[in-house]
Amino acid sequence: VDVKNIGKRDGDEVVQIYIKNPNDPEGPIKALKG
C-alpha cells in the first residue's frame, strides 16, 4: 500500500492489517495480523 502524508508536517504512521475469517462466524470480528 502507498502511504501518503497529505498533511503539512513530517510524521510516522503505523500501517495495520486486520483480518476476519468469513468461514468462522463465531470467531473474531477482526484480528490484528500485521
Full PDB file with SEQRES, HELIX, SHEET, SSBOND, CRYST1, ORIGX, SCALE, CONECT and MASTER records, all heavy atoms in Angstrom:
SEQRES   1 A   34  VAL ASP VAL LYS ASN ILE GLY LYS ARG ASP GLY ASP GLU          
SEQRES   2 A   34  VAL VAL GLN ILE TYR ILE LYS ASN PRO ASN ASP PRO GLU          
SEQRES   3 A   34  GLY PRO ILE LYS ALA LEU LYS GLY                              
SHEET    1 AA1 2 TYR A  18  ILE A  19  0                                        
SHEET    2 AA1 2 ALA A  31  LEU A  32 -1                                        
CRYST1    1.000    1.000    1.000  90.00  90.00  90.00 P 1           1          
ORIGX1      1.000000  0.000000  0.000000        0.00000                         
ORIGX2      0.000000  1.000000  0.000000        0.00000                         
ORIGX3      0.000000  0.000000  1.000000        0.00000                         
SCALE1      1.000000  0.000000  0.000000        0.00000                         
SCALE2      0.000000  1.000000  0.000000        0.00000                         
SCALE3      0.000000  0.000000  1.000000        0.00000                         
ATOM      1  N   VAL A   1       0.851  -1.184   0.000  1.00  0.00           N  
ATOM      2  CA  VAL A   1       0.000   0.000   0.000  1.00  0.00           C  
ATOM      3  C   VAL A   1       0.886   1.233   0.000  1.00  0.00           C  
ATOM      4  O   VAL A   1       1.963   1.240   0.593  1.00  0.00           O  
ATOM      5  CB  VAL A   1      -0.975  -0.003   1.210  1.00  0.00           C  
ATOM      6  CG1 VAL A   1      -0.228   0.035   2.523  1.00  0.00           C  
ATOM      7  CG2 VAL A   1      -1.990   1.112   1.116  1.00  0.00           C  
ATOM      8  N   ASP A   2       0.443   2.270  -0.708  1.00  0.00           N  
ATOM      9  CA  ASP A   2       1.128   3.561  -0.676  1.00  0.00           C  
ATOM     10  C   ASP A   2       0.548   4.383   0.469  1.00  0.00           C  
ATOM     11  O   ASP A   2      -0.668   4.552   0.568  1.00  0.00           O  
ATOM     12  CB  ASP A   2       0.938   4.315  -1.992  1.00  0.00           C  
ATOM     13  CG  ASP A   2       1.577   3.608  -3.172  1.00  0.00           C  
ATOM     14  OD1 ASP A   2       2.603   2.937  -2.966  1.00  0.00           O  
ATOM     15  OD2 ASP A   2       1.041   3.707  -4.292  1.00  0.00           O  
ATOM     16  N   VAL A   3       1.421   4.880   1.336  1.00  0.00           N  
ATOM     17  CA  VAL A   3       1.011   5.736   2.448  1.00  0.00           C  
ATOM     18  C   VAL A   3       1.484   7.142   2.115  1.00  0.00           C  
ATOM     19  O   VAL A   3       2.680   7.395   2.026  1.00  0.00           O  
ATOM     20  CB  VAL A   3       1.609   5.256   3.786  1.00  0.00           C  
ATOM     21  CG1 VAL A   3       1.208   6.197   4.909  1.00  0.00           C  
ATOM     22  CG2 VAL A   3       1.176   3.833   4.078  1.00  0.00           C  
ATOM     23  N   LYS A   4       0.518   8.038   1.904  1.00  0.00           N  
ATOM     24  CA  LYS A   4       0.838   9.414   1.525  1.00  0.00           C  
ATOM     25  C   LYS A   4       0.573  10.344   2.699  1.00  0.00           C  
ATOM     26  O   LYS A   4      -0.485  10.278   3.324  1.00  0.00           O  
ATOM     27  CB  LYS A   4       0.008   9.846   0.321  1.00  0.00           C  
ATOM     28  CG  LYS A   4       0.380  11.223  -0.182  1.00  0.00           C  
ATOM     29  CD  LYS A   4      -0.280  11.573  -1.482  1.00  0.00           C  
ATOM     30  CE  LYS A   4       0.256  12.912  -1.951  1.00  0.00           C  
ATOM     31  NZ  LYS A   4      -0.291  13.297  -3.225  1.00  0.00           N  
ATOM     32  N   ASN A   5       1.549  11.191   2.994  1.00  0.00           N  
ATOM     33  CA  ASN A   5       1.406  12.193   4.035  1.00  0.00           C  
ATOM     34  C   ASN A   5       0.781  13.426   3.384  1.00  0.00           C  
ATOM     35  O   ASN A   5       1.438  14.156   2.648  1.00  0.00           O  
ATOM     36  CB  ASN A   5       2.769  12.531   4.645  1.00  0.00           C  
ATOM     37  CG  ASN A   5       2.668  13.500   5.801  1.00  0.00           C  
ATOM     38  OD1 ASN A   5       1.692  14.237   5.934  1.00  0.00           O  
ATOM     39  ND2 ASN A   5       3.688  13.509   6.638  1.00  0.00           N  
ATOM     40  N   ILE A   6      -0.510  13.631   3.622  1.00  0.00           N  
ATOM     41  CA  ILE A   6      -1.221  14.749   2.994  1.00  0.00           C  
ATOM     42  C   ILE A   6      -1.288  15.966   3.925  1.00  0.00           C  
ATOM     43  O   ILE A   6      -1.944  16.955   3.614  1.00  0.00           O  
ATOM     44  CB  ILE A   6      -2.635  14.338   2.527  1.00  0.00           C  
ATOM     45  CG1 ILE A   6      -3.475  13.801   3.694  1.00  0.00           C  
ATOM     46  CG2 ILE A   6      -2.540  13.307   1.415  1.00  0.00           C  
ATOM     47  CD1 ILE A   6      -4.918  13.491   3.326  1.00  0.00           C  
ATOM     48  N   GLY A   7      -0.592  15.884   5.054  1.00  0.00           N  
ATOM     49  CA  GLY A   7      -0.532  16.997   5.992  1.00  0.00           C  
ATOM     50  C   GLY A   7       0.648  17.908   5.705  1.00  0.00           C  
ATOM     51  O   GLY A   7       1.349  17.758   4.701  1.00  0.00           O  
ATOM     52  N   LYS A   8       0.895  18.806   6.634  1.00  0.00           N  
ATOM     53  CA  LYS A   8       1.958  19.804   6.463  1.00  0.00           C  
ATOM     54  C   LYS A   8       3.198  19.500   7.296  1.00  0.00           C  
ATOM     55  O   LYS A   8       4.136  20.279   7.294  1.00  0.00           O  
ATOM     56  CB  LYS A   8       1.415  21.186   6.833  1.00  0.00           C  
ATOM     57  CG  LYS A   8       0.315  21.640   5.898  1.00  0.00           C  
ATOM     58  CD  LYS A   8      -0.224  22.994   6.279  1.00  0.00           C  
ATOM     59  CE  LYS A   8      -1.316  23.377   5.290  1.00  0.00           C  
ATOM     60  NZ  LYS A   8      -2.035  24.558   5.671  1.00  0.00           N  
ATOM     61  N   ARG A   9       3.194  18.374   8.020  1.00  0.00           N  
ATOM     62  CA  ARG A   9       4.326  18.029   8.878  1.00  0.00           C  
ATOM     63  C   ARG A   9       4.806  16.623   8.587  1.00  0.00           C  
ATOM     64  O   ARG A   9       4.029  15.756   8.207  1.00  0.00           O  
ATOM     65  CB  ARG A   9       3.908  18.098  10.347  1.00  0.00           C  
ATOM     66  CG  ARG A   9       3.513  19.489  10.777  1.00  0.00           C  
ATOM     67  CD  ARG A   9       3.308  19.556  12.241  1.00  0.00           C  
ATOM     68  NE  ARG A   9       4.493  19.048  12.931  1.00  0.00           N  
ATOM     69  CZ  ARG A   9       4.729  19.239  14.195  1.00  0.00           C  
ATOM     70  NH1 ARG A   9       3.880  19.908  14.922  1.00  0.00           N  
ATOM     71  NH2 ARG A   9       5.804  18.757  14.765  1.00  0.00           N  
ATOM     72  N   ASP A  10       6.094  16.395   8.762  1.00  0.00           N  
ATOM     73  CA  ASP A  10       6.635  15.048   8.667  1.00  0.00           C  
ATOM     74  C   ASP A  10       6.024  14.214   9.789  1.00  0.00           C  
ATOM     75  O   ASP A  10       5.680  14.747  10.847  1.00  0.00           O  
ATOM     76  CB  ASP A  10       8.154  15.051   8.830  1.00  0.00           C  
ATOM     77  CG  ASP A  10       8.871  15.834   7.742  1.00  0.00           C  
ATOM     78  OD1 ASP A  10       8.223  16.208   6.746  1.00  0.00           O  
ATOM     79  OD2 ASP A  10      10.082  16.071   7.897  1.00  0.00           O  
ATOM     80  N   GLY A  11       5.896  12.907   9.569  1.00  0.00           N  
ATOM     81  CA  GLY A  11       5.346  12.065  10.620  1.00  0.00           C  
ATOM     82  C   GLY A  11       5.539  10.593  10.353  1.00  0.00           C  
ATOM     83  O   GLY A  11       5.943  10.190   9.258  1.00  0.00           O  
ATOM     84  N   ASP A  12       5.264   9.808  11.363  1.00  0.00           N  
ATOM     85  CA  ASP A  12       5.287   8.353  11.265  1.00  0.00           C  
ATOM     86  C   ASP A  12       3.857   7.838  11.282  1.00  0.00           C  
ATOM     87  O   ASP A  12       3.012   8.374  11.996  1.00  0.00           O  
ATOM     88  CB  ASP A  12       6.027   7.725  12.452  1.00  0.00           C  
ATOM     89  CG  ASP A  12       7.536   7.860  12.348  1.00  0.00           C  
ATOM     90  OD1 ASP A  12       8.015   8.551  11.434  1.00  0.00           O  
ATOM     91  OD2 ASP A  12       8.226   7.269  13.194  1.00  0.00           O  
ATOM     92  N   GLU A  13       3.617   6.796  10.524  1.00  0.00           N  
ATOM     93  CA  GLU A  13       2.326   6.124  10.522  1.00  0.00           C  
ATOM     94  C   GLU A  13       2.566   4.648  10.790  1.00  0.00           C  
ATOM     95  O   GLU A  13       3.583   4.087  10.361  1.00  0.00           O  
ATOM     96  CB  GLU A  13       1.611   6.306   9.174  1.00  0.00           C  
ATOM     97  CG  GLU A  13       0.333   5.514   9.010  1.00  0.00           C  
ATOM     98  CD  GLU A  13      -0.818   5.926   9.935  1.00  0.00           C  
ATOM     99  OE1 GLU A  13      -0.566   6.409  11.051  1.00  0.00           O  
ATOM    100  OE2 GLU A  13      -1.967   5.723   9.542  1.00  0.00           O  
ATOM    101  N   VAL A  14       1.655   4.032  11.520  1.00  0.00           N  
ATOM    102  CA  VAL A  14       1.717   2.593  11.753  1.00  0.00           C  
ATOM    103  C   VAL A  14       0.606   1.964  10.925  1.00  0.00           C  
ATOM    104  O   VAL A  14      -0.578   2.120  11.229  1.00  0.00           O  
ATOM    105  CB  VAL A  14       1.563   2.246  13.252  1.00  0.00           C  
ATOM    106  CG1 VAL A  14       1.606   0.732  13.448  1.00  0.00           C  
ATOM    107  CG2 VAL A  14       2.652   2.926  14.071  1.00  0.00           C  
ATOM    108  N   VAL A  15       0.999   1.289   9.853  1.00  0.00           N  
ATOM    109  CA  VAL A  15       0.039   0.605   8.978  1.00  0.00           C  
ATOM    110  C   VAL A  15      -0.340  -0.699   9.667  1.00  0.00           C  
ATOM    111  O   VAL A  15       0.521  -1.461  10.093  1.00  0.00           O  
ATOM    112  CB  VAL A  15       0.668   0.319   7.593  1.00  0.00           C  
ATOM    113  CG1 VAL A  15      -0.305  -0.436   6.704  1.00  0.00           C  
ATOM    114  CG2 VAL A  15       1.123   1.622   6.942  1.00  0.00           C  
ATOM    115  N   GLN A  16      -1.646  -0.943   9.781  1.00  0.00           N  
ATOM    116  CA  GLN A  16      -2.142  -2.120  10.480  1.00  0.00           C  
ATOM    117  C   GLN A  16      -3.014  -2.966   9.550  1.00  0.00           C  
ATOM    118  O   GLN A  16      -3.810  -2.422   8.806  1.00  0.00           O  
ATOM    119  CB  GLN A  16      -2.982  -1.698  11.684  1.00  0.00           C  
ATOM    120  CG  GLN A  16      -2.245  -0.797  12.658  1.00  0.00           C  
ATOM    121  CD  GLN A  16      -3.178  -0.211  13.698  1.00  0.00           C  
ATOM    122  OE1 GLN A  16      -3.710  -0.932  14.510  1.00  0.00           O  
ATOM    123  NE2 GLN A  16      -3.368   1.102  13.646  1.00  0.00           N  
ATOM    124  N   ILE A  17      -2.856  -4.288   9.648  1.00  0.00           N  
ATOM    125  CA  ILE A  17      -3.682  -5.205   8.866  1.00  0.00           C  
ATOM    126  C   ILE A  17      -4.544  -6.021   9.817  1.00  0.00           C  
ATOM    127  O   ILE A  17      -4.034  -6.719  10.698  1.00  0.00           O  
ATOM    128  CB  ILE A  17      -2.827  -6.173   8.020  1.00  0.00           C  
ATOM    129  CG1 ILE A  17      -1.952  -5.402   7.050  1.00  0.00           C  
ATOM    130  CG2 ILE A  17      -3.715  -7.163   7.280  1.00  0.00           C  
ATOM    131  CD1 ILE A  17      -0.997  -6.276   6.269  1.00  0.00           C  
ATOM    132  N   TYR A  18      -5.858  -5.927   9.621  1.00  0.00           N  
ATOM    133  CA  TYR A  18      -6.818  -6.706  10.401  1.00  0.00           C  
ATOM    134  C   TYR A  18      -7.498  -7.696   9.463  1.00  0.00           C  
ATOM    135  O   TYR A  18      -7.797  -7.367   8.318  1.00  0.00           O  
ATOM    136  CB  TYR A  18      -7.870  -5.791  11.026  1.00  0.00           C  
ATOM    137  CG  TYR A  18      -7.310  -4.871  12.079  1.00  0.00           C  
ATOM    138  CD1 TYR A  18      -6.800  -3.624  11.746  1.00  0.00           C  
ATOM    139  CD2 TYR A  18      -7.287  -5.264  13.416  1.00  0.00           C  
ATOM    140  CE1 TYR A  18      -6.284  -2.784  12.717  1.00  0.00           C  
ATOM    141  CE2 TYR A  18      -6.766  -4.428  14.389  1.00  0.00           C  
ATOM    142  CZ  TYR A  18      -6.276  -3.190  14.037  1.00  0.00           C  
ATOM    143  OH  TYR A  18      -5.761  -2.365  14.998  1.00  0.00           O  
ATOM    144  N   ILE A  19      -7.748  -8.889   9.983  1.00  0.00           N  
ATOM    145  CA  ILE A  19      -8.365  -9.941   9.168  1.00  0.00           C  
ATOM    146  C   ILE A  19      -9.592 -10.481   9.889  1.00  0.00           C  
ATOM    147  O   ILE A  19      -9.608 -10.632  11.108  1.00  0.00           O  
ATOM    148  CB  ILE A  19      -7.366 -11.086   8.899  1.00  0.00           C  
ATOM    149  CG1 ILE A  19      -6.249 -10.580   7.985  1.00  0.00           C  
ATOM    150  CG2 ILE A  19      -8.053 -12.297   8.299  1.00  0.00           C  
ATOM    151  CD1 ILE A  19      -5.185 -11.603   7.684  1.00  0.00           C  
ATOM    152  N   LYS A  20     -10.625 -10.801   9.113  1.00  0.00           N  
ATOM    153  CA  LYS A  20     -11.821 -11.508   9.576  1.00  0.00           C  
ATOM    154  C   LYS A  20     -11.951 -12.747   8.722  1.00  0.00           C  
ATOM    155  O   LYS A  20     -11.936 -12.676   7.494  1.00  0.00           O  
ATOM    156  CB  LYS A  20     -13.056 -10.622   9.435  1.00  0.00           C  
ATOM    157  CG  LYS A  20     -14.388 -11.353   9.476  1.00  0.00           C  
ATOM    158  CD  LYS A  20     -14.685 -11.899  10.838  1.00  0.00           C  
ATOM    159  CE  LYS A  20     -16.064 -12.553  10.876  1.00  0.00           C  
ATOM    160  NZ  LYS A  20     -16.175 -13.584  11.874  1.00  0.00           N  
ATOM    161  N   ASN A  21     -12.051 -13.911   9.358  1.00  0.00           N  
ATOM    162  CA  ASN A  21     -12.230 -15.152   8.628  1.00  0.00           C  
ATOM    163  C   ASN A  21     -13.724 -15.341   8.349  1.00  0.00           C  
ATOM    164  O   ASN A  21     -14.501 -15.595   9.277  1.00  0.00           O  
ATOM    165  CB  ASN A  21     -11.692 -16.332   9.444  1.00  0.00           C  
ATOM    166  CG  ASN A  21     -11.791 -17.651   8.712  1.00  0.00           C  
ATOM    167  OD1 ASN A  21     -12.511 -17.778   7.720  1.00  0.00           O  
ATOM    168  ND2 ASN A  21     -11.090 -18.646   9.204  1.00  0.00           N  
ATOM    169  N   PRO A  22     -14.163 -15.234   7.085  1.00  0.00           N  
ATOM    170  CA  PRO A  22     -15.593 -15.356   6.782  1.00  0.00           C  
ATOM    171  C   PRO A  22     -16.138 -16.770   7.024  1.00  0.00           C  
ATOM    172  O   PRO A  22     -17.345 -16.954   7.142  1.00  0.00           O  
ATOM    173  CB  PRO A  22     -15.675 -14.986   5.296  1.00  0.00           C  
ATOM    174  CG  PRO A  22     -14.315 -15.244   4.767  1.00  0.00           C  
ATOM    175  CD  PRO A  22     -13.357 -15.008   5.895  1.00  0.00           C  
ATOM    176  N   ASN A  23     -15.256 -17.757   7.127  1.00  0.00           N  
ATOM    177  CA  ASN A  23     -15.689 -19.132   7.387  1.00  0.00           C  
ATOM    178  C   ASN A  23     -15.777 -19.450   8.876  1.00  0.00           C  
ATOM    179  O   ASN A  23     -16.004 -20.601   9.252  1.00  0.00           O  
ATOM    180  CB  ASN A  23     -14.729 -20.119   6.714  1.00  0.00           C  
ATOM    181  CG  ASN A  23     -14.713 -19.935   5.213  1.00  0.00           C  
ATOM    182  OD1 ASN A  23     -15.744 -19.696   4.604  1.00  0.00           O  
ATOM    183  ND2 ASN A  23     -13.542 -20.005   4.622  1.00  0.00           N  
ATOM    184  N   ASP A  24     -15.579 -18.448   9.725  1.00  0.00           N  
ATOM    185  CA  ASP A  24     -15.601 -18.642  11.172  1.00  0.00           C  
ATOM    186  C   ASP A  24     -16.565 -17.634  11.798  1.00  0.00           C  
ATOM    187  O   ASP A  24     -16.146 -16.628  12.366  1.00  0.00           O  
ATOM    188  CB  ASP A  24     -14.186 -18.465  11.733  1.00  0.00           C  
ATOM    189  CG  ASP A  24     -14.095 -18.757  13.215  1.00  0.00           C  
ATOM    190  OD1 ASP A  24     -15.061 -19.300  13.790  1.00  0.00           O  
ATOM    191  OD2 ASP A  24     -13.049 -18.427  13.812  1.00  0.00           O  
ATOM    192  N   PRO A  25     -17.883 -17.898  11.714  1.00  0.00           N  
ATOM    193  CA  PRO A  25     -18.863 -16.922  12.201  1.00  0.00           C  
ATOM    194  C   PRO A  25     -18.774 -16.652  13.707  1.00  0.00           C  
ATOM    195  O   PRO A  25     -19.147 -15.592  14.165  1.00  0.00           O  
ATOM    196  CB  PRO A  25     -20.216 -17.533  11.833  1.00  0.00           C  
ATOM    197  CG  PRO A  25     -19.952 -18.977  11.596  1.00  0.00           C  
ATOM    198  CD  PRO A  25     -18.520 -19.094  11.168  1.00  0.00           C  
ATOM    199  N   GLU A  26     -18.261 -17.590  14.477  1.00  0.00           N  
ATOM    200  CA  GLU A  26     -18.117 -17.400  15.924  1.00  0.00           C  
ATOM    201  C   GLU A  26     -16.782 -16.750  16.281  1.00  0.00           C  
ATOM    202  O   GLU A  26     -16.551 -16.396  17.431  1.00  0.00           O  
ATOM    203  CB  GLU A  26     -18.235 -18.745  16.648  1.00  0.00           C  
ATOM    204  CG  GLU A  26     -19.575 -19.428  16.459  1.00  0.00           C  
ATOM    205  CD  GLU A  26     -20.731 -18.594  16.972  1.00  0.00           C  
ATOM    206  OE1 GLU A  26     -20.614 -18.023  18.074  1.00  0.00           O  
ATOM    207  OE2 GLU A  26     -21.746 -18.490  16.269  1.00  0.00           O  
ATOM    208  N   GLY A  27     -15.911 -16.620  15.305  1.00  0.00           N  
ATOM    209  CA  GLY A  27     -14.576 -16.086  15.541  1.00  0.00           C  
ATOM    210  C   GLY A  27     -14.578 -14.580  15.673  1.00  0.00           C  
ATOM    211  O   GLY A  27     -15.613 -13.920  15.650  1.00  0.00           O  
ATOM    212  N   PRO A  28     -13.386 -14.021  15.810  1.00  0.00           N  
ATOM    213  CA  PRO A  28     -13.252 -12.570  15.997  1.00  0.00           C  
ATOM    214  C   PRO A  28     -13.861 -11.771  14.843  1.00  0.00           C  
ATOM    215  O   PRO A  28     -13.828 -12.204  13.688  1.00  0.00           O  
ATOM    216  CB  PRO A  28     -11.747 -12.354  16.042  1.00  0.00           C  
ATOM    217  CG  PRO A  28     -11.147 -13.677  16.318  1.00  0.00           C  
ATOM    218  CD  PRO A  28     -12.100 -14.700  15.796  1.00  0.00           C  
ATOM    219  N   ILE A  29     -14.385 -10.605  15.173  1.00  0.00           N  
ATOM    220  CA  ILE A  29     -14.880  -9.663  14.166  1.00  0.00           C  
ATOM    221  C   ILE A  29     -13.705  -9.172  13.325  1.00  0.00           C  
ATOM    222  O   ILE A  29     -13.827  -8.976  12.128  1.00  0.00           O  
ATOM    223  CB  ILE A  29     -15.600  -8.486  14.848  1.00  0.00           C  
ATOM    224  CG1 ILE A  29     -16.850  -8.989  15.574  1.00  0.00           C  
ATOM    225  CG2 ILE A  29     -15.929  -7.385  13.868  1.00  0.00           C  
ATOM    226  CD1 ILE A  29     -17.457  -7.996  16.533  1.00  0.00           C  
ATOM    227  N   LYS A  30     -12.569  -8.999  13.981  1.00  0.00           N  
ATOM    228  CA  LYS A  30     -11.328  -8.651  13.309  1.00  0.00           C  
ATOM    229  C   LYS A  30     -10.176  -9.020  14.228  1.00  0.00           C  
ATOM    230  O   LYS A  30     -10.346  -9.085  15.446  1.00  0.00           O  
ATOM    231  CB  LYS A  30     -11.277  -7.172  12.936  1.00  0.00           C  
ATOM    232  CG  LYS A  30     -11.282  -6.227  14.122  1.00  0.00           C  
ATOM    233  CD  LYS A  30     -11.247  -4.787  13.670  1.00  0.00           C  
ATOM    234  CE  LYS A  30     -11.261  -3.847  14.863  1.00  0.00           C  
ATOM    235  NZ  LYS A  30     -11.203  -2.459  14.438  1.00  0.00           N  
ATOM    236  N   ALA A  31      -9.014  -9.254  13.639  1.00  0.00           N  
ATOM    237  CA  ALA A  31      -7.829  -9.590  14.430  1.00  0.00           C  
ATOM    238  C   ALA A  31      -6.608  -8.978  13.758  1.00  0.00           C  
ATOM    239  O   ALA A  31      -6.426  -9.100  12.547  1.00  0.00           O  
ATOM    240  CB  ALA A  31      -7.668 -11.106  14.537  1.00  0.00           C  
ATOM    241  N   LEU A  32      -5.780  -8.295  14.537  1.00  0.00           N  
ATOM    242  CA  LEU A  32      -4.554  -7.686  14.017  1.00  0.00           C  
ATOM    243  C   LEU A  32      -3.587  -8.798  13.625  1.00  0.00           C  
ATOM    244  O   LEU A  32      -3.232  -9.643  14.443  1.00  0.00           O  
ATOM    245  CB  LEU A  32      -3.916  -6.777  15.071  1.00  0.00           C  
ATOM    246  CG  LEU A  32      -2.617  -6.093  14.662  1.00  0.00           C  
ATOM    247  CD1 LEU A  32      -2.853  -5.083  13.544  1.00  0.00           C  
ATOM    248  CD2 LEU A  32      -1.978  -5.398  15.861  1.00  0.00           C  
ATOM    249  N   LYS A  33      -3.156  -8.793  12.364  1.00  0.00           N  
ATOM    250  CA  LYS A  33      -2.270  -9.852  11.867  1.00  0.00           C  
ATOM    251  C   LYS A  33      -0.947  -9.319  11.334  1.00  0.00           C  
ATOM    252  O   LYS A  33      -0.043 -10.088  11.042  1.00  0.00           O  
ATOM    253  CB  LYS A  33      -2.971 -10.659  10.766  1.00  0.00           C  
ATOM    254  CG  LYS A  33      -4.198 -11.385  11.247  1.00  0.00           C  
ATOM    255  CD  LYS A  33      -3.852 -12.404  12.317  1.00  0.00           C  
ATOM    256  CE  LYS A  33      -5.073 -13.195  12.740  1.00  0.00           C  
ATOM    257  NZ  LYS A  33      -4.738 -14.305  13.607  1.00  0.00           N  
ATOM    258  N   GLY A  34      -0.826  -8.015  11.201  1.00  0.00           N  
ATOM    259  CA  GLY A  34       0.433  -7.450  10.731  1.00  0.00           C  
ATOM    260  C   GLY A  34       0.439  -5.942  10.904  1.00  0.00           C  
ATOM    261  O   GLY A  34      -0.613  -5.311  10.918  1.00  0.00           O  
TER     262      GLY A  34                                                      
MASTER        0    0    0    0    2    0    0    6  261    1    0    3          
END                                                                             
